Every structure is written in C-alpha cells, then in structure tokens.
Amino acid sequence: MKNVLYAIQSQVTGRIYIGQTEDIDRRLKEHNSGRVRSTSGDKPWALLKKVLLGF
C-alpha cells in the first residue's frame, strides 16, 4: 500500500489543509463535493503538493 501526503488550498479563502490518503484523486473529489466536514465550507479546493510515503 502506498500512502500520499497531500496539501490542498481553498480557492476561495486561501486556507491550506494537509491530509493523507491512498487515492488522491478520490480524496480531492470528496473535498470538493462537500463530503469532508472539515473542508466543506471552503470549497473548491486545488491540489498544492503531494508526496508519496513509504518505500
């Protein structure tokens, strides 16, 4: 399993959120659809950076 550490930024407020996932595309869609409570008020989100974790 490969995990990705990611940073996204709200295109409205400029807020930055950092998270970890196995599927960055799915997770970004969840953030932008409002399914993630902690980021739902600041959508839309854009990916700033992703880093592959593990070996």
PDB file of N, CA and C in Angstrom:
ATOM      1  N   MET A   1       0.825  -1.181   0.000  1.00  0.00           N
ATOM      2  CA  MET A   1       0.000   0.000   0.000  1.00  0.00           C
ATOM      3  C   MET A   1       0.869   1.244   0.000  1.00  0.00           C
ATOM      4  N   LYS A   2       0.508   2.187  -0.841  1.00  0.00           N
ATOM      5  CA  LYS A   2       1.234   3.441  -0.893  1.00  0.00           C
ATOM      6  C   LYS A   2       0.322   4.553  -0.402  1.00  0.00           C
ATOM      7  N   ASN A   3       0.828   5.328   0.503  1.00  0.00           N
ATOM      8  CA  ASN A   3       0.081   6.464   1.016  1.00  0.00           C
ATOM      9  C   ASN A   3       0.641   7.740   0.428  1.00  0.00           C
ATOM     10  N   VAL A   4      -0.237   8.717   0.298  1.00  0.00           N
ATOM     11  CA  VAL A   4       0.146  10.017  -0.222  1.00  0.00           C
ATOM     12  C   VAL A   4      -0.172  11.064   0.831  1.00  0.00           C
ATOM     13  N   LEU A   5       0.815  11.884   1.151  1.00  0.00           N
ATOM     14  CA  LEU A   5       0.611  13.061   1.981  1.00  0.00           C
ATOM     15  C   LEU A   5       0.303  14.196   1.012  1.00  0.00           C
ATOM     16  N   TYR A   6      -0.747  14.952   1.272  1.00  0.00           N
ATOM     17  CA  TYR A   6      -1.136  15.986   0.326  1.00  0.00           C
ATOM     18  C   TYR A   6      -1.486  17.285   1.027  1.00  0.00           C
ATOM     19  N   ALA A   7      -1.337  18.370   0.286  1.00  0.00           N
ATOM     20  CA  ALA A   7      -1.754  19.691   0.749  1.00  0.00           C
ATOM     21  C   ALA A   7      -2.673  20.274  -0.314  1.00  0.00           C
ATOM     22  N   ILE A   8      -3.822  20.760   0.123  1.00  0.00           N
ATOM     23  CA  ILE A   8      -4.758  21.409  -0.783  1.00  0.00           C
ATOM     24  C   ILE A   8      -5.015  22.821  -0.267  1.00  0.00           C
ATOM     25  N   GLN A   9      -5.425  23.701  -1.180  1.00  0.00           N
ATOM     26  CA  GLN A   9      -5.706  25.076  -0.795  1.00  0.00           C
ATOM     27  C   GLN A   9      -7.068  25.488  -1.312  1.00  0.00           C
ATOM     28  N   SER A  10      -7.829  26.146  -0.435  1.00  0.00           N
ATOM     29  CA  SER A  10      -9.134  26.658  -0.828  1.00  0.00           C
ATOM     30  C   SER A  10      -8.943  27.782  -1.836  1.00  0.00           C
ATOM     31  N   GLN A  11      -9.658  27.707  -2.938  1.00  0.00           N
ATOM     32  CA  GLN A  11      -9.577  28.746  -3.953  1.00  0.00           C
ATOM     33  C   GLN A  11     -10.405  29.969  -3.574  1.00  0.00           C
ATOM     34  N   VAL A  12     -11.162  29.872  -2.496  1.00  0.00           N
ATOM     35  CA  VAL A  12     -11.978  30.992  -2.029  1.00  0.00           C
ATOM     36  C   VAL A  12     -11.305  31.717  -0.861  1.00  0.00           C
ATOM     37  N   THR A  13     -10.913  30.960   0.158  1.00  0.00           N
ATOM     38  CA  THR A  13     -10.391  31.573   1.378  1.00  0.00           C
ATOM     39  C   THR A  13      -8.869  31.546   1.485  1.00  0.00           C
ATOM     40  N   GLY A  14      -8.203  30.691   0.708  1.00  0.00           N
ATOM     41  CA  GLY A  14      -6.763  30.552   0.796  1.00  0.00           C
ATOM     42  C   GLY A  14      -6.304  29.585   1.880  1.00  0.00           C
ATOM     43  N   ARG A  15      -7.256  29.031   2.624  1.00  0.00           N
ATOM     44  CA  ARG A  15      -6.931  28.083   3.688  1.00  0.00           C
ATOM     45  C   ARG A  15      -6.206  26.866   3.113  1.00  0.00           C
ATOM     46  N   ILE A  16      -5.234  26.353   3.854  1.00  0.00           N
ATOM     47  CA  ILE A  16      -4.486  25.167   3.446  1.00  0.00           C
ATOM     48  C   ILE A  16      -4.842  24.018   4.375  1.00  0.00           C
ATOM     49  N   TYR A  17      -5.100  22.851   3.786  1.00  0.00           N
ATOM     50  CA  TYR A  17      -5.445  21.639   4.529  1.00  0.00           C
ATOM     51  C   TYR A  17      -4.434  20.570   4.150  1.00  0.00           C
ATOM     52  N   ILE A  18      -3.945  19.837   5.131  1.00  0.00           N
ATOM     53  CA  ILE A  18      -2.990  18.753   4.898  1.00  0.00           C
ATOM     54  C   ILE A  18      -3.622  17.440   5.334  1.00  0.00           C
ATOM     55  N   GLY A  19      -3.503  16.420   4.489  1.00  0.00           N
ATOM     56  CA  GLY A  19      -4.087  15.121   4.798  1.00  0.00           C
ATOM     57  C   GLY A  19      -3.256  13.986   4.224  1.00  0.00           C
ATOM     58  N   GLN A  20      -3.759  12.772   4.425  1.00  0.00           N
ATOM     59  CA  GLN A  20      -3.088  11.565   3.953  1.00  0.00           C
ATOM     60  C   GLN A  20      -4.140  10.624   3.390  1.00  0.00           C
ATOM     61  N   THR A  21      -3.849   9.977   2.274  1.00  0.00           N
ATOM     62  CA  THR A  21      -4.798   9.087   1.624  1.00  0.00           C
ATOM     63  C   THR A  21      -4.063   8.058   0.779  1.00  0.00           C
ATOM     64  N   GLU A  22      -4.780   7.047   0.348  1.00  0.00           N
ATOM     65  CA  GLU A  22      -4.248   6.074  -0.609  1.00  0.00           C
ATOM     66  C   GLU A  22      -4.672   6.418  -2.038  1.00  0.00           C
ATOM     67  N   ASP A  23      -5.686   7.249  -2.192  1.00  0.00           N
ATOM     68  CA  ASP A  23      -6.205   7.598  -3.519  1.00  0.00           C
ATOM     69  C   ASP A  23      -6.443   9.107  -3.576  1.00  0.00           C
ATOM     70  N   ILE A  24      -5.463   9.852  -4.064  1.00  0.00           N
ATOM     71  CA  ILE A  24      -5.524  11.308  -4.043  1.00  0.00           C
ATOM     72  C   ILE A  24      -6.648  11.848  -4.941  1.00  0.00           C
ATOM     73  N   ASP A  25      -6.888  11.216  -6.079  1.00  0.00           N
ATOM     74  CA  ASP A  25      -7.951  11.700  -6.965  1.00  0.00           C
ATOM     75  C   ASP A  25      -9.323  11.585  -6.302  1.00  0.00           C
ATOM     76  N   ARG A  26      -9.581  10.429  -5.690  1.00  0.00           N
ATOM     77  CA  ARG A  26     -10.859  10.232  -4.996  1.00  0.00           C
ATOM     78  C   ARG A  26     -11.009  11.206  -3.834  1.00  0.00           C
ATOM     79  N   ARG A  27      -9.921  11.381  -3.088  1.00  0.00           N
ATOM     80  CA  ARG A  27      -9.987  12.240  -1.900  1.00  0.00           C
ATOM     81  C   ARG A  27     -10.216  13.700  -2.272  1.00  0.00           C
ATOM     82  N   LEU A  28      -9.587  14.175  -3.328  1.00  0.00           N
ATOM     83  CA  LEU A  28      -9.804  15.559  -3.760  1.00  0.00           C
ATOM     84  C   LEU A  28     -11.254  15.758  -4.207  1.00  0.00           C
ATOM     85  N   LYS A  29     -11.820  14.766  -4.873  1.00  0.00           N
ATOM     86  CA  LYS A  29     -13.235  14.837  -5.252  1.00  0.00           C
ATOM     87  C   LYS A  29     -14.126  14.898  -4.019  1.00  0.00           C
ATOM     88  N   GLU A  30     -13.772  14.143  -2.986  1.00  0.00           N
ATOM     89  CA  GLU A  30     -14.549  14.187  -1.742  1.00  0.00           C
ATOM     90  C   GLU A  30     -14.481  15.562  -1.092  1.00  0.00           C
ATOM     91  N   HIS A  31     -13.301  16.167  -1.085  1.00  0.00           N
ATOM     92  CA  HIS A  31     -13.173  17.522  -0.531  1.00  0.00           C
ATOM     93  C   HIS A  31     -14.031  18.510  -1.328  1.00  0.00           C
ATOM     94  N   ASN A  32     -13.999  18.421  -2.642  1.00  0.00           N
ATOM     95  CA  ASN A  32     -14.717  19.376  -3.488  1.00  0.00           C
ATOM     96  C   ASN A  32     -16.214  19.127  -3.561  1.00  0.00           C
ATOM     97  N   SER A  33     -16.660  17.935  -3.184  1.00  0.00           N
ATOM     98  CA  SER A  33     -18.096  17.648  -3.192  1.00  0.00           C
ATOM     99  C   SER A  33     -18.761  18.021  -1.873  1.00  0.00           C
ATOM    100  N   GLY A  34     -17.963  18.358  -0.861  1.00  0.00           N
ATOM    101  CA  GLY A  34     -18.516  18.700   0.445  1.00  0.00           C
ATOM    102  C   GLY A  34     -18.677  17.518   1.370  1.00  0.00           C
ATOM    103  N   ARG A  35     -18.163  16.354   1.007  1.00  0.00           N
ATOM    104  CA  ARG A  35     -18.307  15.144   1.825  1.00  0.00           C
ATOM    105  C   ARG A  35     -17.384  15.122   3.039  1.00  0.00           C
ATOM    106  N   VAL A  36     -16.399  16.032   3.071  1.00  0.00           N
ATOM    107  CA  VAL A  36     -15.467  16.102   4.199  1.00  0.00           C
ATOM    108  C   VAL A  36     -15.885  17.300   5.049  1.00  0.00           C
ATOM    109  N   ARG A  37     -16.365  17.018   6.249  1.00  0.00           N
ATOM    110  CA  ARG A  37     -16.928  18.069   7.101  1.00  0.00           C
ATOM    111  C   ARG A  37     -15.956  19.215   7.354  1.00  0.00           C
ATOM    112  N   SER A  38     -14.692  18.881   7.605  1.00  0.00           N
ATOM    113  CA  SER A  38     -13.729  19.924   7.977  1.00  0.00           C
ATOM    114  C   SER A  38     -13.338  20.852   6.829  1.00  0.00           C
ATOM    115  N   THR A  39     -13.648  20.464   5.593  1.00  0.00           N
ATOM    116  CA  THR A  39     -13.290  21.319   4.459  1.00  0.00           C
ATOM    117  C   THR A  39     -14.498  21.760   3.630  1.00  0.00           C
ATOM    118  N   SER A  40     -15.679  21.350   4.006  1.00  0.00           N
ATOM    119  CA  SER A  40     -16.860  21.603   3.170  1.00  0.00           C
ATOM    120  C   SER A  40     -17.189  23.087   3.015  1.00  0.00           C
ATOM    121  N   GLY A  41     -16.849  23.903   3.994  1.00  0.00           N
ATOM    122  CA  GLY A  41     -17.194  25.317   3.915  1.00  0.00           C
ATOM    123  C   GLY A  41     -16.241  26.156   3.094  1.00  0.00           C
ATOM    124  N   ASP A  42     -15.142  25.579   2.649  1.00  0.00           N
ATOM    125  CA  ASP A  42     -14.116  26.350   1.946  1.00  0.00           C
ATOM    126  C   ASP A  42     -13.904  25.899   0.505  1.00  0.00           C
ATOM    127  N   LYS A  43     -14.792  25.111  -0.038  1.00  0.00           N
ATOM    128  CA  LYS A  43     -14.596  24.597  -1.394  1.00  0.00           C
ATOM    129  C   LYS A  43     -14.820  25.695  -2.431  1.00  0.00           C
ATOM    130  N   PRO A  44     -14.217  25.603  -3.587  1.00  0.00           N
ATOM    131  CA  PRO A  44     -13.442  24.491  -4.140  1.00  0.00           C
ATOM    132  C   PRO A  44     -11.983  24.501  -3.669  1.00  0.00           C
ATOM    133  N   TRP A  45     -11.391  23.305  -3.760  1.00  0.00           N
ATOM    134  CA  TRP A  45     -10.012  23.075  -3.342  1.00  0.00           C
ATOM    135  C   TRP A  45      -9.146  22.721  -4.545  1.00  0.00           C
ATOM    136  N   ALA A  46      -7.886  23.149  -4.489  1.00  0.00           N
ATOM    137  CA  ALA A  46      -6.914  22.802  -5.529  1.00  0.00           C
ATOM    138  C   ALA A  46      -5.721  22.118  -4.857  1.00  0.00           C
ATOM    139  N   LEU A  47      -5.175  21.130  -5.528  1.00  0.00           N
ATOM    140  CA  LEU A  47      -4.022  20.404  -5.009  1.00  0.00           C
ATOM    141  C   LEU A  47      -2.780  21.282  -5.101  1.00  0.00           C
ATOM    142  N   LEU A  48      -2.103  21.467  -3.977  1.00  0.00           N
ATOM    143  CA  LEU A  48      -0.852  22.232  -3.947  1.00  0.00           C
ATOM    144  C   LEU A  48       0.358  21.320  -4.098  1.00  0.00           C
ATOM    145  N   LYS A  49       0.348  20.209  -3.348  1.00  0.00           N
ATOM    146  CA  LYS A  49       1.525  19.333  -3.302  1.00  0.00           C
ATOM    147  C   LYS A  49       1.100  17.938  -2.886  1.00  0.00           C
ATOM    148  N   LYS A  50       1.749  16.937  -3.440  1.00  0.00           N
ATOM    149  CA  LYS A  50       1.562  15.562  -2.965  1.00  0.00           C
ATOM    150  C   LYS A  50       2.915  14.892  -2.863  1.00  0.00           C
ATOM    151  N   VAL A  51       3.078  14.076  -1.816  1.00  0.00           N
ATOM    152  CA  VAL A  51       4.335  13.379  -1.554  1.00  0.00           C
ATOM    153  C   VAL A  51       4.010  11.927  -1.300  1.00  0.00           C
ATOM    154  N   LEU A  52       4.641  11.035  -2.032  1.00  0.00           N
ATOM    155  CA  LEU A  52       4.465   9.608  -1.862  1.00  0.00           C
ATOM    156  C   LEU A  52       5.196   9.160  -0.603  1.00  0.00           C
ATOM    157  N   LEU A  53       4.501   8.453   0.275  1.00  0.00           N
ATOM    158  CA  LEU A  53       5.089   7.970   1.528  1.00  0.00           C
ATOM    159  C   LEU A  53       5.412   6.485   1.397  1.00  0.00           C
ATOM    160  N   GLY A  54       6.422   6.042   2.068  1.00  0.00           N
ATOM    161  CA  GLY A  54       6.787   4.630   2.041  1.00  0.00           C
ATOM    162  C   GLY A  54       7.961   4.376   1.114  1.00  0.00           C
ATOM    163  N   PHE A  55       8.271   3.095   0.954  1.00  0.00           N
ATOM    164  CA  PHE A  55       9.433   2.718   0.129  1.00  0.00           C
ATOM    165  C   PHE A  55       9.012   1.905  -1.057  1.00  0.00           C
TER     166      PHE A  55
END
